[in-house]
Amino acid sequence: MDRRDKINYYLDMADTVLKRGTCLRRNYGAVIVKNDEIISTGYTGAPRGRINCSDYGSCARQVLGIKSGEKYELCRSVHAEQNAIISAARKDTIGATLYLVGRDANTGEYVTNTDSCSMCKRVIINAGIDKVIARIDDTNYNVIDVNKWIDYDEVLEEKVKPIVDNKG
């Protein structure tokens, strides 16, 4: 009997969770696990009580011609990672692993370069999650050490030069 390894087992669950997503571009599923126990799940969708993009019939970012990876503040959805963290207690997310799977909403193909956006990275850091495991295909994945996100702040590196006091 071929038994599924645990990482792909949890990624398979995240893949199932994303099927609840309501984004017209890409849907993601997230599963937070600690000590082999599922803490919470989340998928991409509008905030509770608001009309989902899939029900509304259009995506504001598509209408505005916004490229993938830019201006997430104009997205109507709460991202899968954020929804999973919102549904968990911080004491349970400290030291946990977040499993993440993305699929193109139109083709159903895996998003092979899955990574959390800068806003989700900040939320993941504050939740105390140690690593993110992102699916590439049915069996392959990337393991991301969240400490690297702490050490490298893309906003400061690309946009702002730090003020250095050389006066001693």
C-alpha atoms as a PDB file:
ATOM      1  CA  MET A   1       0.000   0.000   0.000  1.00  0.00           C
ATOM      2  CA  ASP A   2       1.332   3.441  -0.951  1.00  0.00           C
ATOM      3  CA  ARG A   3       0.719   5.726   1.968  1.00  0.00           C
ATOM      4  CA  ARG A   4       0.642   9.492   1.363  1.00  0.00           C
ATOM      5  CA  ASP A   5       3.397  11.358   3.214  1.00  0.00           C
ATOM      6  CA  LYS A   6       2.204  13.799   5.879  1.00  0.00           C
ATOM      7  CA  ILE A   7       3.230  16.967   4.070  1.00  0.00           C
ATOM      8  CA  ASN A   8       1.261  16.050   0.957  1.00  0.00           C
ATOM      9  CA  TYR A   9      -1.594  14.841   3.165  1.00  0.00           C
ATOM     10  CA  TYR A  10      -1.930  18.323   4.674  1.00  0.00           C
ATOM     11  CA  LEU A  11      -1.404  19.955   1.273  1.00  0.00           C
ATOM     12  CA  ASP A  12      -4.208  17.748  -0.107  1.00  0.00           C
ATOM     13  CA  MET A  13      -6.445  19.123   2.641  1.00  0.00           C
ATOM     14  CA  ALA A  14      -5.497  22.700   1.709  1.00  0.00           C
ATOM     15  CA  ASP A  15      -6.288  21.802  -1.909  1.00  0.00           C
ATOM     16  CA  THR A  16      -9.753  20.687  -0.814  1.00  0.00           C
ATOM     17  CA  VAL A  17     -10.264  23.828   1.284  1.00  0.00           C
ATOM     18  CA  LEU A  18      -9.491  26.098  -1.695  1.00  0.00           C
ATOM     19  CA  LYS A  19     -12.528  24.702  -3.510  1.00  0.00           C
ATOM     20  CA  ARG A  20     -14.639  26.958  -1.268  1.00  0.00           C
ATOM     21  CA  GLY A  21     -12.768  30.009  -2.613  1.00  0.00           C
ATOM     22  CA  THR A  22     -14.714  32.696  -4.421  1.00  0.00           C
ATOM     23  CA  CYS A  23     -11.975  34.624  -6.240  1.00  0.00           C
ATOM     24  CA  LEU A  24     -12.294  34.896 -10.011  1.00  0.00           C
ATOM     25  CA  ARG A  25      -8.500  34.935 -10.520  1.00  0.00           C
ATOM     26  CA  ARG A  26      -6.839  32.514  -8.119  1.00  0.00           C
ATOM     27  CA  ASN A  27      -8.097  30.495  -5.200  1.00  0.00           C
ATOM     28  CA  TYR A  28      -5.958  29.449  -2.275  1.00  0.00           C
ATOM     29  CA  GLY A  29      -6.484  27.076   0.603  1.00  0.00           C
ATOM     30  CA  ALA A  30      -4.555  27.171   3.859  1.00  0.00           C
ATOM     31  CA  VAL A  31      -4.327  24.666   6.692  1.00  0.00           C
ATOM     32  CA  ILE A  32      -2.519  25.447   9.947  1.00  0.00           C
ATOM     33  CA  VAL A  33      -1.070  22.402  11.706  1.00  0.00           C
ATOM     34  CA  LYS A  34       0.727  22.079  15.029  1.00  0.00           C
ATOM     35  CA  ASN A  35       1.897  18.827  16.594  1.00  0.00           C
ATOM     36  CA  ASP A  36       0.086  16.855  13.867  1.00  0.00           C
ATOM     37  CA  GLU A  37      -3.216  18.486  14.767  1.00  0.00           C
ATOM     38  CA  ILE A  38      -5.164  20.712  12.395  1.00  0.00           C
ATOM     39  CA  ILE A  39      -5.694  24.040  14.120  1.00  0.00           C
ATOM     40  CA  SER A  40      -7.700  25.847  11.435  1.00  0.00           C
ATOM     41  CA  THR A  41      -8.344  26.261   7.725  1.00  0.00           C
ATOM     42  CA  GLY A  42      -8.989  29.207   5.444  1.00  0.00           C
ATOM     43  CA  TYR A  43      -9.767  30.007   1.832  1.00  0.00           C
ATOM     44  CA  THR A  44      -9.876  33.136  -0.319  1.00  0.00           C
ATOM     45  CA  GLY A  45     -13.183  34.994  -0.177  1.00  0.00           C
ATOM     46  CA  ALA A  46     -14.956  38.253   0.568  1.00  0.00           C
ATOM     47  CA  PRO A  47     -15.424  39.238   4.217  1.00  0.00           C
ATOM     48  CA  ARG A  48     -18.404  37.638   5.944  1.00  0.00           C
ATOM     49  CA  GLY A  49     -21.660  39.233   4.885  1.00  0.00           C
ATOM     50  CA  ARG A  50     -20.268  40.845   1.725  1.00  0.00           C
ATOM     51  CA  ILE A  51     -21.045  39.595  -1.761  1.00  0.00           C
ATOM     52  CA  ASN A  52     -18.322  37.308  -3.106  1.00  0.00           C
ATOM     53  CA  CYS A  53     -16.678  38.224  -6.411  1.00  0.00           C
ATOM     54  CA  SER A  54     -17.893  34.925  -7.887  1.00  0.00           C
ATOM     55  CA  ASP A  55     -21.489  35.895  -7.006  1.00  0.00           C
ATOM     56  CA  TYR A  56     -20.998  39.520  -8.036  1.00  0.00           C
ATOM     57  CA  GLY A  57     -19.654  38.397 -11.400  1.00  0.00           C
ATOM     58  CA  SER A  58     -16.532  40.519 -11.646  1.00  0.00           C
ATOM     59  CA  CYS A  59     -13.172  41.174 -10.045  1.00  0.00           C
ATOM     60  CA  ALA A  60     -12.315  44.789  -9.219  1.00  0.00           C
ATOM     61  CA  ARG A  61      -8.611  44.116  -9.802  1.00  0.00           C
ATOM     62  CA  GLN A  62      -9.311  42.681 -13.260  1.00  0.00           C
ATOM     63  CA  VAL A  63     -11.586  45.606 -14.168  1.00  0.00           C
ATOM     64  CA  LEU A  64      -8.837  48.029 -13.102  1.00  0.00           C
ATOM     65  CA  GLY A  65      -6.166  46.049 -14.995  1.00  0.00           C
ATOM     66  CA  ILE A  66      -4.046  45.417 -11.902  1.00  0.00           C
ATOM     67  CA  LYS A  67      -1.263  42.880 -12.373  1.00  0.00           C
ATOM     68  CA  SER A  68      -0.928  39.854 -10.132  1.00  0.00           C
ATOM     69  CA  GLY A  69       1.191  40.636  -7.085  1.00  0.00           C
ATOM     70  CA  GLU A  70       0.360  44.353  -7.007  1.00  0.00           C
ATOM     71  CA  LYS A  71      -2.024  46.566  -5.009  1.00  0.00           C
ATOM     72  CA  TYR A  72      -3.599  43.866  -2.854  1.00  0.00           C
ATOM     73  CA  GLU A  73      -5.393  46.562  -0.891  1.00  0.00           C
ATOM     74  CA  LEU A  74      -7.788  46.791  -3.860  1.00  0.00           C
ATOM     75  CA  CYS A  75      -8.702  43.103  -3.598  1.00  0.00           C
ATOM     76  CA  ARG A  76     -12.123  42.480  -2.062  1.00  0.00           C
ATOM     77  CA  SER A  77     -11.076  39.108  -0.641  1.00  0.00           C
ATOM     78  CA  VAL A  78      -9.561  38.079   2.625  1.00  0.00           C
ATOM     79  CA  HIS A  79      -6.663  35.777   1.740  1.00  0.00           C
ATOM     80  CA  ALA A  80      -6.613  32.117   2.755  1.00  0.00           C
ATOM     81  CA  GLU A  81      -3.696  32.590   5.151  1.00  0.00           C
ATOM     82  CA  GLN A  82      -5.478  35.460   6.898  1.00  0.00           C
ATOM     83  CA  ASN A  83      -8.744  33.526   7.201  1.00  0.00           C
ATOM     84  CA  ALA A  84      -6.922  30.528   8.700  1.00  0.00           C
ATOM     85  CA  ILE A  85      -5.128  32.750  11.225  1.00  0.00           C
ATOM     86  CA  ILE A  86      -8.329  34.630  12.122  1.00  0.00           C
ATOM     87  CA  SER A  87      -9.942  31.274  12.959  1.00  0.00           C
ATOM     88  CA  ALA A  88      -7.133  30.195  15.294  1.00  0.00           C
ATOM     89  CA  ALA A  89      -5.934  31.214  18.718  1.00  0.00           C
ATOM     90  CA  ARG A  90      -2.409  32.686  18.720  1.00  0.00           C
ATOM     91  CA  LYS A  91      -1.291  30.224  21.388  1.00  0.00           C
ATOM     92  CA  ASP A  92      -2.045  27.489  18.842  1.00  0.00           C
ATOM     93  CA  THR A  93      -0.290  29.167  15.901  1.00  0.00           C
ATOM     94  CA  ILE A  94       3.020  29.797  17.684  1.00  0.00           C
ATOM     95  CA  GLY A  95       5.436  27.230  16.260  1.00  0.00           C
ATOM     96  CA  ALA A  96       2.863  25.913  13.762  1.00  0.00           C
ATOM     97  CA  THR A  97       3.176  25.176  10.042  1.00  0.00           C
ATOM     98  CA  LEU A  98       0.894  26.705   7.430  1.00  0.00           C
ATOM     99  CA  TYR A  99       0.207  24.528   4.363  1.00  0.00           C
ATOM    100  CA  LEU A 100      -0.745  26.559   1.283  1.00  0.00           C
ATOM    101  CA  VAL A 101      -2.098  25.563  -2.132  1.00  0.00           C
ATOM    102  CA  GLY A 102      -3.150  27.850  -4.969  1.00  0.00           C
ATOM    103  CA  ARG A 103      -5.026  27.148  -8.200  1.00  0.00           C
ATOM    104  CA  ASP A 104      -5.898  29.344 -11.154  1.00  0.00           C
ATOM    105  CA  ALA A 105      -9.661  29.976 -10.964  1.00  0.00           C
ATOM    106  CA  ASN A 106     -10.117  29.570 -14.730  1.00  0.00           C
ATOM    107  CA  THR A 107      -7.875  26.617 -15.580  1.00  0.00           C
ATOM    108  CA  GLY A 108      -7.718  24.779 -12.249  1.00  0.00           C
ATOM    109  CA  GLU A 109      -3.944  24.454 -12.675  1.00  0.00           C
ATOM    110  CA  TYR A 110      -1.687  24.776  -9.644  1.00  0.00           C
ATOM    111  CA  VAL A 111      -0.080  28.139  -9.021  1.00  0.00           C
ATOM    112  CA  THR A 112       3.490  26.833  -9.119  1.00  0.00           C
ATOM    113  CA  ASN A 113       5.116  29.946  -7.636  1.00  0.00           C
ATOM    114  CA  THR A 114       2.797  30.144  -4.625  1.00  0.00           C
ATOM    115  CA  ASP A 115       4.036  32.580  -2.015  1.00  0.00           C
ATOM    116  CA  SER A 116       2.267  34.727   0.528  1.00  0.00           C
ATOM    117  CA  CYS A 117       1.751  38.399  -0.308  1.00  0.00           C
ATOM    118  CA  SER A 118       3.515  41.035   1.799  1.00  0.00           C
ATOM    119  CA  MET A 119       0.384  41.635   3.905  1.00  0.00           C
ATOM    120  CA  CYS A 120      -0.049  37.919   4.632  1.00  0.00           C
ATOM    121  CA  LYS A 121       3.651  37.595   5.451  1.00  0.00           C
ATOM    122  CA  ARG A 122       3.245  40.199   8.200  1.00  0.00           C
ATOM    123  CA  VAL A 123       0.187  38.400   9.617  1.00  0.00           C
ATOM    124  CA  ILE A 124       1.986  35.022   9.491  1.00  0.00           C
ATOM    125  CA  ILE A 125       5.000  36.501  11.302  1.00  0.00           C
ATOM    126  CA  ASN A 126       2.800  37.973  14.043  1.00  0.00           C
ATOM    127  CA  ALA A 127       0.892  34.699  14.416  1.00  0.00           C
ATOM    128  CA  GLY A 128       4.188  33.007  15.328  1.00  0.00           C
ATOM    129  CA  ILE A 129       4.012  30.468  12.507  1.00  0.00           C
ATOM    130  CA  ASP A 130       7.438  28.875  11.891  1.00  0.00           C
ATOM    131  CA  LYS A 131       7.140  27.742   8.292  1.00  0.00           C
ATOM    132  CA  VAL A 132       4.942  27.800   5.237  1.00  0.00           C
ATOM    133  CA  ILE A 133       4.824  24.815   2.915  1.00  0.00           C
ATOM    134  CA  ALA A 134       3.538  25.759  -0.540  1.00  0.00           C
ATOM    135  CA  ARG A 135       2.507  23.193  -3.143  1.00  0.00           C
ATOM    136  CA  ILE A 136       4.108  23.214  -6.598  1.00  0.00           C
ATOM    137  CA  ASP A 137       2.320  20.153  -8.039  1.00  0.00           C
ATOM    138  CA  ASP A 138       0.732  16.912  -6.801  1.00  0.00           C
ATOM    139  CA  THR A 139       3.849  15.794  -4.926  1.00  0.00           C
ATOM    140  CA  ASN A 140       6.358  18.677  -4.879  1.00  0.00           C
ATOM    141  CA  TYR A 141       6.407  21.707  -2.615  1.00  0.00           C
ATOM    142  CA  ASN A 142       8.544  24.545  -1.283  1.00  0.00           C
ATOM    143  CA  VAL A 143       9.344  24.896   2.409  1.00  0.00           C
ATOM    144  CA  ILE A 144       9.623  28.537   3.473  1.00  0.00           C
ATOM    145  CA  ASP A 145      11.279  29.455   6.768  1.00  0.00           C
ATOM    146  CA  VAL A 146       9.290  32.397   8.153  1.00  0.00           C
ATOM    147  CA  ASN A 147      12.445  33.671   9.891  1.00  0.00           C
ATOM    148  CA  LYS A 148      13.735  34.642   6.431  1.00  0.00           C
ATOM    149  CA  TRP A 149      10.743  36.982   6.108  1.00  0.00           C
ATOM    150  CA  ILE A 150      11.660  38.521   9.457  1.00  0.00           C
ATOM    151  CA  ASP A 151      15.282  39.008   8.385  1.00  0.00           C
ATOM    152  CA  TYR A 152      14.360  40.419   4.958  1.00  0.00           C
ATOM    153  CA  ASP A 153      11.800  43.218   4.840  1.00  0.00           C
ATOM    154  CA  GLU A 154      11.028  43.755   1.166  1.00  0.00           C
ATOM    155  CA  VAL A 155       9.456  47.153   1.860  1.00  0.00           C
ATOM    156  CA  LEU A 156      12.613  48.532   3.479  1.00  0.00           C
ATOM    157  CA  GLU A 157      14.966  46.892   1.008  1.00  0.00           C
ATOM    158  CA  GLU A 158      13.169  48.145  -2.097  1.00  0.00           C
ATOM    159  CA  LYS A 159      11.503  51.401  -1.073  1.00  0.00           C
ATOM    160  CA  VAL A 160      13.113  53.030   1.931  1.00  0.00           C
ATOM    161  CA  LYS A 161      16.731  53.525   2.884  1.00  0.00           C
ATOM    162  CA  PRO A 162      17.188  53.295   6.670  1.00  0.00           C
ATOM    163  CA  ILE A 163      18.575  56.279   8.540  1.00  0.00           C
ATOM    164  CA  VAL A 164      21.935  55.390  10.031  1.00  0.00           C
ATOM    165  CA  ASP A 165      23.341  57.416  12.906  1.00  0.00           C
ATOM    166  CA  ASN A 166      27.126  57.346  12.600  1.00  0.00           C
ATOM    167  CA  LYS A 167      27.705  59.621  15.604  1.00  0.00           C
ATOM    168  CA  GLY A 168      28.398  56.696  17.883  1.00  0.00           C
END
